[in-house]
């Protein structure tokens, strides 16, 4: 299984507006999304250099297609936004 950071668009249920967060997304052997972190990620490191490296990976996620959480029959999935 592999993973990376991805930007996920969500909808505020009270206002109907969008907001964006960075999550860890996990893939199966065929690179299909298997799961993602329930909470958005914050940079982490045991040293300042590790935090810089983590931030670099997060910034790279901004260059990938944005994903959106979709719920269908109580099943959550991530789909690529076609903009």
C-alpha atoms as a PDB file:
ATOM      1  CA  UNK A   1       0.000   0.000   0.000  1.00  0.00           C
ATOM      2  CA  UNK A   2       1.226   3.505  -0.751  1.00  0.00           C
ATOM      3  CA  UNK A   3       0.106   6.936   0.358  1.00  0.00           C
ATOM      4  CA  UNK A   4       0.554  10.636  -0.278  1.00  0.00           C
ATOM      5  CA  UNK A   5      -0.915  13.936   0.773  1.00  0.00           C
ATOM      6  CA  UNK A   6      -3.879  15.186  -1.249  1.00  0.00           C
ATOM      7  CA  UNK A   7      -6.097  18.244  -1.183  1.00  0.00           C
ATOM      8  CA  UNK A   8      -9.697  17.282  -0.464  1.00  0.00           C
ATOM      9  CA  UNK A   9     -12.640  19.603  -1.093  1.00  0.00           C
ATOM     10  CA  UNK A  10     -15.504  19.336   1.356  1.00  0.00           C
ATOM     11  CA  UNK A  11     -18.847  21.084   1.641  1.00  0.00           C
ATOM     12  CA  UNK A  12     -19.888  23.036   4.706  1.00  0.00           C
ATOM     13  CA  UNK A  13     -23.314  21.514   5.436  1.00  0.00           C
ATOM     14  CA  UNK A  14     -24.559  24.731   7.066  1.00  0.00           C
ATOM     15  CA  UNK A  15     -23.623  27.202   4.331  1.00  0.00           C
ATOM     16  CA  UNK A  16     -23.207  25.002   1.257  1.00  0.00           C
ATOM     17  CA  UNK A  17     -19.793  26.553   0.609  1.00  0.00           C
ATOM     18  CA  UNK A  18     -16.615  24.623  -0.127  1.00  0.00           C
ATOM     19  CA  UNK A  19     -13.456  24.396   1.949  1.00  0.00           C
ATOM     20  CA  UNK A  20     -10.204  22.564   1.324  1.00  0.00           C
ATOM     21  CA  UNK A  21      -7.925  20.507   3.581  1.00  0.00           C
ATOM     22  CA  UNK A  22      -4.855  18.313   3.182  1.00  0.00           C
ATOM     23  CA  UNK A  23      -5.272  14.643   4.121  1.00  0.00           C
ATOM     24  CA  UNK A  24      -3.227  11.485   3.867  1.00  0.00           C
ATOM     25  CA  UNK A  25      -4.696   9.288   1.110  1.00  0.00           C
ATOM     26  CA  UNK A  26      -3.896   5.564   0.947  1.00  0.00           C
ATOM     27  CA  UNK A  27      -3.923   3.494  -2.248  1.00  0.00           C
ATOM     28  CA  UNK A  28      -4.135  -0.205  -3.033  1.00  0.00           C
ATOM     29  CA  UNK A  29      -1.679  -2.002  -5.333  1.00  0.00           C
ATOM     30  CA  UNK A  30      -3.569  -0.724  -8.385  1.00  0.00           C
ATOM     31  CA  UNK A  31      -3.325   2.883  -7.102  1.00  0.00           C
ATOM     32  CA  UNK A  32      -7.045   3.057  -6.398  1.00  0.00           C
ATOM     33  CA  UNK A  33      -7.976   5.103  -3.311  1.00  0.00           C
ATOM     34  CA  UNK A  34      -8.478   2.704  -0.438  1.00  0.00           C
ATOM     35  CA  UNK A  35      -8.870   5.140   2.482  1.00  0.00           C
ATOM     36  CA  UNK A  36      -7.896   8.549   3.803  1.00  0.00           C
ATOM     37  CA  UNK A  37      -7.233  10.196   7.142  1.00  0.00           C
ATOM     38  CA  UNK A  38     -10.375  11.242   8.984  1.00  0.00           C
ATOM     39  CA  UNK A  39      -8.806  14.498  10.129  1.00  0.00           C
ATOM     40  CA  UNK A  40      -6.731  16.944   8.096  1.00  0.00           C
ATOM     41  CA  UNK A  41      -2.986  16.745   8.561  1.00  0.00           C
ATOM     42  CA  UNK A  42      -0.604  19.192  10.192  1.00  0.00           C
ATOM     43  CA  UNK A  43       3.092  19.244   9.389  1.00  0.00           C
ATOM     44  CA  UNK A  44       5.001  16.859  11.626  1.00  0.00           C
ATOM     45  CA  UNK A  45       8.639  16.223  12.309  1.00  0.00           C
ATOM     46  CA  UNK A  46      11.054  15.386  15.068  1.00  0.00           C
ATOM     47  CA  UNK A  47      13.406  18.096  13.793  1.00  0.00           C
ATOM     48  CA  UNK A  48      12.901  21.393  11.963  1.00  0.00           C
ATOM     49  CA  UNK A  49      14.324  19.731   8.815  1.00  0.00           C
ATOM     50  CA  UNK A  50      11.695  16.988   9.002  1.00  0.00           C
ATOM     51  CA  UNK A  51       8.960  19.625   9.267  1.00  0.00           C
ATOM     52  CA  UNK A  52      10.348  21.343   6.158  1.00  0.00           C
ATOM     53  CA  UNK A  53      10.346  18.023   4.307  1.00  0.00           C
ATOM     54  CA  UNK A  54       6.750  17.305   5.385  1.00  0.00           C
ATOM     55  CA  UNK A  55       5.675  20.783   4.267  1.00  0.00           C
ATOM     56  CA  UNK A  56       7.307  20.162   0.890  1.00  0.00           C
ATOM     57  CA  UNK A  57       5.238  16.984   0.454  1.00  0.00           C
ATOM     58  CA  UNK A  58       2.106  18.925   1.434  1.00  0.00           C
ATOM     59  CA  UNK A  59       2.880  21.657  -1.098  1.00  0.00           C
ATOM     60  CA  UNK A  60       3.305  19.019  -3.815  1.00  0.00           C
ATOM     61  CA  UNK A  61      -0.254  17.854  -3.108  1.00  0.00           C
ATOM     62  CA  UNK A  62      -1.469  21.240  -4.368  1.00  0.00           C
ATOM     63  CA  UNK A  63      -0.215  20.322  -7.866  1.00  0.00           C
ATOM     64  CA  UNK A  64      -2.288  17.131  -8.036  1.00  0.00           C
ATOM     65  CA  UNK A  65      -5.973  17.038  -9.028  1.00  0.00           C
ATOM     66  CA  UNK A  66      -8.270  17.987  -6.153  1.00  0.00           C
ATOM     67  CA  UNK A  67     -10.368  15.208  -4.650  1.00  0.00           C
ATOM     68  CA  UNK A  68     -13.877  15.539  -3.240  1.00  0.00           C
ATOM     69  CA  UNK A  69     -15.636  13.454  -0.625  1.00  0.00           C
ATOM     70  CA  UNK A  70     -18.811  11.964  -2.043  1.00  0.00           C
ATOM     71  CA  UNK A  71     -21.345   9.995  -0.014  1.00  0.00           C
ATOM     72  CA  UNK A  72     -23.650   7.593  -1.853  1.00  0.00           C
ATOM     73  CA  UNK A  73     -25.855   5.171   0.097  1.00  0.00           C
ATOM     74  CA  UNK A  74     -23.822   5.921   3.241  1.00  0.00           C
ATOM     75  CA  UNK A  75     -20.574   4.946   1.489  1.00  0.00           C
ATOM     76  CA  UNK A  76     -17.878   7.619   1.390  1.00  0.00           C
ATOM     77  CA  UNK A  77     -15.556   7.771  -1.606  1.00  0.00           C
ATOM     78  CA  UNK A  78     -13.099  10.252  -3.050  1.00  0.00           C
ATOM     79  CA  UNK A  79     -13.507  11.397  -6.634  1.00  0.00           C
ATOM     80  CA  UNK A  80     -11.305  13.639  -8.739  1.00  0.00           C
ATOM     81  CA  UNK A  81     -12.843  17.026  -9.456  1.00  0.00           C
ATOM     82  CA  UNK A  82     -13.013  17.735 -13.181  1.00  0.00           C
ATOM     83  CA  UNK A  83     -12.556  21.496 -13.502  1.00  0.00           C
END
